[in-house]
Structure formats: structure tokens, C-alpha cells
C-alpha atoms as a PDB file:
ATOM      1  CA  MET A   1      21.986   6.282 -15.324  1.00  0.00           C
ATOM      2  CA  GLU A   2      21.262   7.836 -12.017  1.00  0.00           C
ATOM      3  CA  ILE A   3      17.758   8.647 -10.970  1.00  0.00           C
ATOM      4  CA  ASN A   4      17.257  12.262  -9.796  1.00  0.00           C
ATOM      5  CA  ILE A   5      13.239  12.669  -9.258  1.00  0.00           C
ATOM      6  CA  GLY A   6      13.315  14.130  -5.811  1.00  0.00           C
ATOM      7  CA  ILE A   7      12.884  10.742  -4.098  1.00  0.00           C
ATOM      8  CA  ALA A   8      15.865   9.125  -2.371  1.00  0.00           C
ATOM      9  CA  GLU A   9      16.898   5.599  -3.704  1.00  0.00           C
ATOM     10  CA  THR A  10      16.236   3.963  -0.351  1.00  0.00           C
ATOM     11  CA  ASP A  11      12.878   5.479  -0.454  1.00  0.00           C
ATOM     12  CA  ARG A  12      12.215   4.383  -3.813  1.00  0.00           C
ATOM     13  CA  LYS A  13      13.181   0.750  -3.175  1.00  0.00           C
ATOM     14  CA  GLU A  14      10.729   0.849  -0.107  1.00  0.00           C
ATOM     15  CA  ILE A  15       8.099   1.976  -1.907  1.00  0.00           C
ATOM     16  CA  VAL A  16       8.802  -0.515  -4.822  1.00  0.00           C
ATOM     17  CA  LYS A  17       8.857  -3.261  -2.560  1.00  0.00           C
ATOM     18  CA  GLY A  18       5.337  -2.302  -1.649  1.00  0.00           C
ATOM     19  CA  LEU A  19       4.191  -1.957  -5.092  1.00  0.00           C
ATOM     20  CA  ASN A  20       5.706  -5.182  -6.061  1.00  0.00           C
ATOM     21  CA  VAL A  21       3.154  -7.069  -3.660  1.00  0.00           C
ATOM     22  CA  LEU A  22       0.209  -4.478  -4.719  1.00  0.00           C
ATOM     23  CA  LEU A  23       1.199  -5.983  -8.444  1.00  0.00           C
ATOM     24  CA  ALA A  24       1.589  -9.485  -7.490  1.00  0.00           C
ATOM     25  CA  ASP A  25      -1.835  -9.296  -5.592  1.00  0.00           C
ATOM     26  CA  SER A  26      -3.568  -7.504  -8.632  1.00  0.00           C
ATOM     27  CA  TYR A  27      -2.239 -10.206 -11.151  1.00  0.00           C
ATOM     28  CA  THR A  28      -3.399 -12.968  -8.918  1.00  0.00           C
ATOM     29  CA  LEU A  29      -6.648 -11.450  -8.581  1.00  0.00           C
ATOM     30  CA  TYR A  30      -6.723 -10.600 -12.411  1.00  0.00           C
ATOM     31  CA  LEU A  31      -6.082 -14.568 -12.900  1.00  0.00           C
ATOM     32  CA  LYS A  32      -8.757 -15.671 -10.405  1.00  0.00           C
ATOM     33  CA  THR A  33     -11.498 -13.425 -11.765  1.00  0.00           C
ATOM     34  CA  HIS A  34     -10.666 -14.599 -15.219  1.00  0.00           C
ATOM     35  CA  ASN A  35     -10.808 -18.127 -14.052  1.00  0.00           C
ATOM     36  CA  TYR A  36     -14.336 -17.364 -12.362  1.00  0.00           C
ATOM     37  CA  HIS A  37     -15.359 -15.604 -15.561  1.00  0.00           C
ATOM     38  CA  TRP A  38     -14.677 -18.715 -17.520  1.00  0.00           C
ATOM     39  CA  ASN A  39     -16.539 -21.198 -14.808  1.00  0.00           C
ATOM     40  CA  VAL A  40     -19.005 -19.530 -13.317  1.00  0.00           C
ATOM     41  CA  THR A  41     -22.458 -21.616 -13.429  1.00  0.00           C
ATOM     42  CA  GLY A  42     -25.880 -21.240 -11.757  1.00  0.00           C
ATOM     43  CA  PRO A  43     -28.946 -18.779 -12.062  1.00  0.00           C
ATOM     44  CA  MET A  44     -26.741 -15.715 -11.653  1.00  0.00           C
ATOM     45  CA  PHE A  45     -24.627 -16.733 -14.882  1.00  0.00           C
ATOM     46  CA  ASN A  46     -25.002 -14.018 -17.101  1.00  0.00           C
ATOM     47  CA  THR A  47     -24.885 -11.375 -14.430  1.00  0.00           C
ATOM     48  CA  LEU A  48     -21.495 -12.579 -12.941  1.00  0.00           C
ATOM     49  CA  HIS A  49     -20.073 -13.697 -16.491  1.00  0.00           C
ATOM     50  CA  LEU A  50     -20.357 -10.107 -17.700  1.00  0.00           C
ATOM     51  CA  MET A  51     -19.331  -8.411 -14.185  1.00  0.00           C
ATOM     52  CA  PHE A  52     -16.208 -10.592 -13.794  1.00  0.00           C
ATOM     53  CA  GLU A  53     -15.087  -9.880 -17.452  1.00  0.00           C
ATOM     54  CA  GLN A  54     -15.375  -5.952 -16.617  1.00  0.00           C
ATOM     55  CA  GLN A  55     -13.362  -6.582 -13.405  1.00  0.00           C
ATOM     56  CA  TYR A  56     -10.732  -8.583 -15.022  1.00  0.00           C
ATOM     57  CA  THR A  57     -10.465  -6.190 -17.959  1.00  0.00           C
ATOM     58  CA  GLU A  58      -9.834  -3.520 -15.439  1.00  0.00           C
ATOM     59  CA  LEU A  59      -7.291  -5.350 -13.454  1.00  0.00           C
ATOM     60  CA  SER A  60      -5.318  -5.889 -16.752  1.00  0.00           C
ATOM     61  CA  THR A  61      -4.784  -2.239 -17.261  1.00  0.00           C
ATOM     62  CA  ALA A  62      -4.183  -1.833 -13.342  1.00  0.00           C
ATOM     63  CA  VAL A  63      -1.237  -4.186 -13.498  1.00  0.00           C
ATOM     64  CA  ASP A  64       0.364  -2.479 -16.476  1.00  0.00           C
ATOM     65  CA  GLU A  65      -0.047   0.935 -14.590  1.00  0.00           C
ATOM     66  CA  ILE A  66       1.417  -0.626 -11.335  1.00  0.00           C
ATOM     67  CA  ALA A  67       4.426  -2.145 -13.286  1.00  0.00           C
ATOM     68  CA  GLU A  68       5.084   1.063 -15.179  1.00  0.00           C
ATOM     69  CA  ARG A  69       5.260   3.151 -11.967  1.00  0.00           C
ATOM     70  CA  ILE A  70       7.842   0.341 -10.783  1.00  0.00           C
ATOM     71  CA  ARG A  71       9.831   1.136 -13.467  1.00  0.00           C
ATOM     72  CA  ALA A  72       9.583   4.848 -13.410  1.00  0.00           C
ATOM     73  CA  LEU A  73      10.926   4.463  -9.622  1.00  0.00           C
ATOM     74  CA  GLY A  74      14.054   2.808 -11.205  1.00  0.00           C
ATOM     75  CA  GLU A  75      13.217  -0.793 -10.369  1.00  0.00           C
ATOM     76  CA  PHE A  76      12.477  -4.132 -12.615  1.00  0.00           C
ATOM     77  CA  ALA A  77       9.082  -5.094 -12.206  1.00  0.00           C
ATOM     78  CA  PRO A  78       8.370  -8.690 -11.133  1.00  0.00           C
ATOM     79  CA  GLY A  79       6.572 -10.756 -14.212  1.00  0.00           C
ATOM     80  CA  SER A  80       6.529 -14.367 -13.407  1.00  0.00           C
ATOM     81  CA  TYR A  81       3.970 -16.671 -11.651  1.00  0.00           C
ATOM     82  CA  SER A  82       6.712 -17.676  -9.242  1.00  0.00           C
ATOM     83  CA  ALA A  83       7.460 -14.071  -8.394  1.00  0.00           C
ATOM     84  CA  TYR A  84       4.033 -13.473  -8.034  1.00  0.00           C
ATOM     85  CA  ALA A  85       3.285 -16.457  -5.735  1.00  0.00           C
ATOM     86  CA  ALA A  86       6.059 -15.558  -3.491  1.00  0.00           C
ATOM     87  CA  LEU A  87       4.637 -11.951  -3.049  1.00  0.00           C
ATOM     88  CA  THR A  88       0.916 -12.439  -2.656  1.00  0.00           C
ATOM     89  CA  SER A  89      -1.327 -12.943  -0.302  1.00  0.00           C
ATOM     90  CA  ILE A  90      -4.283 -13.853  -2.455  1.00  0.00           C
ATOM     91  CA  PRO A  91      -4.891 -17.487  -2.411  1.00  0.00           C
ATOM     92  CA  GLU A  92      -5.276 -19.879  -5.260  1.00  0.00           C
ATOM     93  CA  ASP A  93      -8.310 -22.097  -5.784  1.00  0.00           C
ATOM     94  CA  GLN A  94      -7.617 -25.651  -5.591  1.00  0.00           C
ATOM     95  CA  ASN A  95     -11.186 -26.231  -7.425  1.00  0.00           C
ATOM     96  CA  VAL A  96     -13.827 -24.450  -9.079  1.00  0.00           C
ATOM     97  CA  PRO A  97     -15.878 -23.069  -6.228  1.00  0.00           C
ATOM     98  CA  ASP A  98     -19.847 -22.320  -6.428  1.00  0.00           C
ATOM     99  CA  ALA A  99     -20.793 -18.691  -7.669  1.00  0.00           C
ATOM    100  CA  GLU A 100     -21.526 -17.586  -4.132  1.00  0.00           C
ATOM    101  CA  THR A 101     -18.227 -18.871  -3.267  1.00  0.00           C
ATOM    102  CA  MET A 102     -16.661 -17.008  -6.230  1.00  0.00           C
ATOM    103  CA  VAL A 103     -18.166 -13.582  -4.978  1.00  0.00           C
ATOM    104  CA  LYS A 104     -17.055 -14.209  -1.443  1.00  0.00           C
ATOM    105  CA  ASN A 105     -13.429 -14.778  -2.620  1.00  0.00           C
ATOM    106  CA  LEU A 106     -13.379 -11.921  -4.825  1.00  0.00           C
ATOM    107  CA  VAL A 107     -14.502  -9.728  -1.971  1.00  0.00           C
ATOM    108  CA  LYS A 108     -11.681 -10.776   0.339  1.00  0.00           C
ATOM    109  CA  ALA A 109      -9.138 -10.574  -2.514  1.00  0.00           C
ATOM    110  CA  GLN A 110     -10.421  -7.011  -3.598  1.00  0.00           C
ATOM    111  CA  GLU A 111     -10.401  -5.861   0.255  1.00  0.00           C
ATOM    112  CA  THR A 112      -6.732  -7.362   0.404  1.00  0.00           C
ATOM    113  CA  ILE A 113      -5.538  -5.106  -2.452  1.00  0.00           C
ATOM    114  CA  ALA A 114      -7.183  -2.263  -1.032  1.00  0.00           C
ATOM    115  CA  ARG A 115      -5.407  -2.564   2.337  1.00  0.00           C
ATOM    116  CA  GLN A 116      -2.141  -3.500   0.327  1.00  0.00           C
ATOM    117  CA  ALA A 117      -2.472  -0.034  -1.421  1.00  0.00           C
ATOM    118  CA  ARG A 118      -3.340   1.638   1.874  1.00  0.00           C
ATOM    119  CA  SER A 119      -0.033   0.319   3.683  1.00  0.00           C
ATOM    120  CA  VAL A 120       1.925   1.612   0.849  1.00  0.00           C
ATOM    121  CA  MET A 121       0.610   5.030   1.202  1.00  0.00           C
ATOM    122  CA  GLN A 122       2.147   6.052   4.445  1.00  0.00           C
ATOM    123  CA  ILE A 123       5.621   6.028   2.960  1.00  0.00           C
ATOM    124  CA  VAL A 124       4.444   7.564  -0.304  1.00  0.00           C
ATOM    125  CA  SER A 125       3.214  10.422   1.842  1.00  0.00           C
ATOM    126  CA  GLU A 126       6.093  10.875   3.778  1.00  0.00           C
ATOM    127  CA  VAL A 127       8.409  11.393   0.907  1.00  0.00           C
ATOM    128  CA  GLY A 128       6.059  13.419  -1.301  1.00  0.00           C
ATOM    129  CA  ASP A 129       5.830  10.764  -3.998  1.00  0.00           C
ATOM    130  CA  GLU A 130       2.512  12.318  -5.589  1.00  0.00           C
ATOM    131  CA  PRO A 131       2.437  10.087  -8.766  1.00  0.00           C
ATOM    132  CA  THR A 132       2.443   7.041  -6.668  1.00  0.00           C
ATOM    133  CA  ALA A 133      -0.001   8.508  -4.136  1.00  0.00           C
ATOM    134  CA  ASP A 134      -2.251   8.891  -6.902  1.00  0.00           C
ATOM    135  CA  LEU A 135      -1.897   5.311  -8.388  1.00  0.00           C
ATOM    136  CA  LEU A 136      -2.618   4.072  -4.878  1.00  0.00           C
ATOM    137  CA  THR A 137      -5.971   6.206  -4.377  1.00  0.00           C
ATOM    138  CA  GLN A 138      -7.308   5.203  -7.454  1.00  0.00           C
ATOM    139  CA  ARG A 139      -6.702   1.506  -6.773  1.00  0.00           C
ATOM    140  CA  MET A 140      -8.180   1.970  -3.442  1.00  0.00           C
ATOM    141  CA  GLN A 141     -11.266   3.458  -4.888  1.00  0.00           C
ATOM    142  CA  VAL A 142     -11.640   0.882  -7.622  1.00  0.00           C
ATOM    143  CA  HIS A 143     -11.004  -2.005  -5.092  1.00  0.00           C
ATOM    144  CA  GLU A 144     -13.283  -0.627  -2.249  1.00  0.00           C
ATOM    145  CA  LYS A 145     -16.329   0.121  -4.857  1.00  0.00           C
ATOM    146  CA  THR A 146     -15.844  -3.434  -6.195  1.00  0.00           C
ATOM    147  CA  ALA A 147     -15.756  -5.179  -3.110  1.00  0.00           C
ATOM    148  CA  TRP A 148     -18.969  -3.337  -2.180  1.00  0.00           C
ATOM    149  CA  MET A 149     -20.908  -4.212  -5.582  1.00  0.00           C
ATOM    150  CA  LEU A 150     -19.670  -7.931  -5.067  1.00  0.00           C
ATOM    151  CA  ARG A 151     -20.928  -7.802  -1.200  1.00  0.00           C
ATOM    152  CA  SER A 152     -24.253  -6.582  -2.722  1.00  0.00           C
ATOM    153  CA  LEU A 153     -24.728  -9.645  -4.526  1.00  0.00           C
ATOM    154  CA  ILE A 154     -25.059 -11.938  -1.677  1.00  0.00           C
ATOM    155  CA  SER A 155     -26.073  -9.460   1.370  1.00  0.00           C
END
């Protein structure tokens, strides 16, 4: 059935293209953060273990919201490791880093996602896609605040 929500199909597809990257980055960060939660060691173990749990729990909800917005725009959301690997710019770890490196890696990933959300905002604003703009604004707020909190641990 044709979608008639006031956003042209070409614009919807362009928005979804950016949201697909946002979803892949978010899922990759979810996996990285969960991995760090399991494997962190050192004097800040308890603090980081709990902080990482809060972060991956929030990301779990976020990936669902992003995927549902993709569906509302009329496209299928990517949902496989290979699809995410092709779309994400967040690198996988080849080993288990020390706690400080974990924090630094998470700061970079959080900032990557904030930049990706911001990059999609231009077309969203141009075509008046307020629901996606709201989602992107929320994601930028979360990722910028989380990056700040993580940076505060090592500064």
C-alpha cells in the first residue's frame, strides 16, 4: 500500500539511508559496550561495570526505536551482523582492551553516533520530518552526554 505521510518517497529513502547507518552504529556500540561490561577489570571495575550496563540497556531501547522509525518510513530495517558491519564506522575490537582504552573507545563511538544523527538532521529538517527530527535530537542528547560522562572519567 502506498505511503502518504507528507514526505516524498525519494526523501523518505534518503532519510532511511542515514537512519540505517545510525542503527548499525548504535547496534555496534551496544555490542561493544556489552562486551566491555562483561570484560572490564581493574580498580574502577564496579563503577565501569555498572555504567556500561546502563549504557547498553539504553542502547537496546534506542536500536528498537530507530528500527521502528525506519519501518514507519516504509523501508525494512537492517538486522544482521553482516549488514551492520557494512554500514557502521565504529571499529570492532580485536582483543579485550584495558579499562582506560575501553572508555576512550566508547567516547569515540558515542561521538561518532552523535555526528551521524546530526548529519541526517539536514534532510529531515528540509522535508519537515518532525518525528525523525525528534528521534535524532534525543539520540544526540544521549550520546553527547554519555561521551561527556565517559571523558570525565579519564580527564
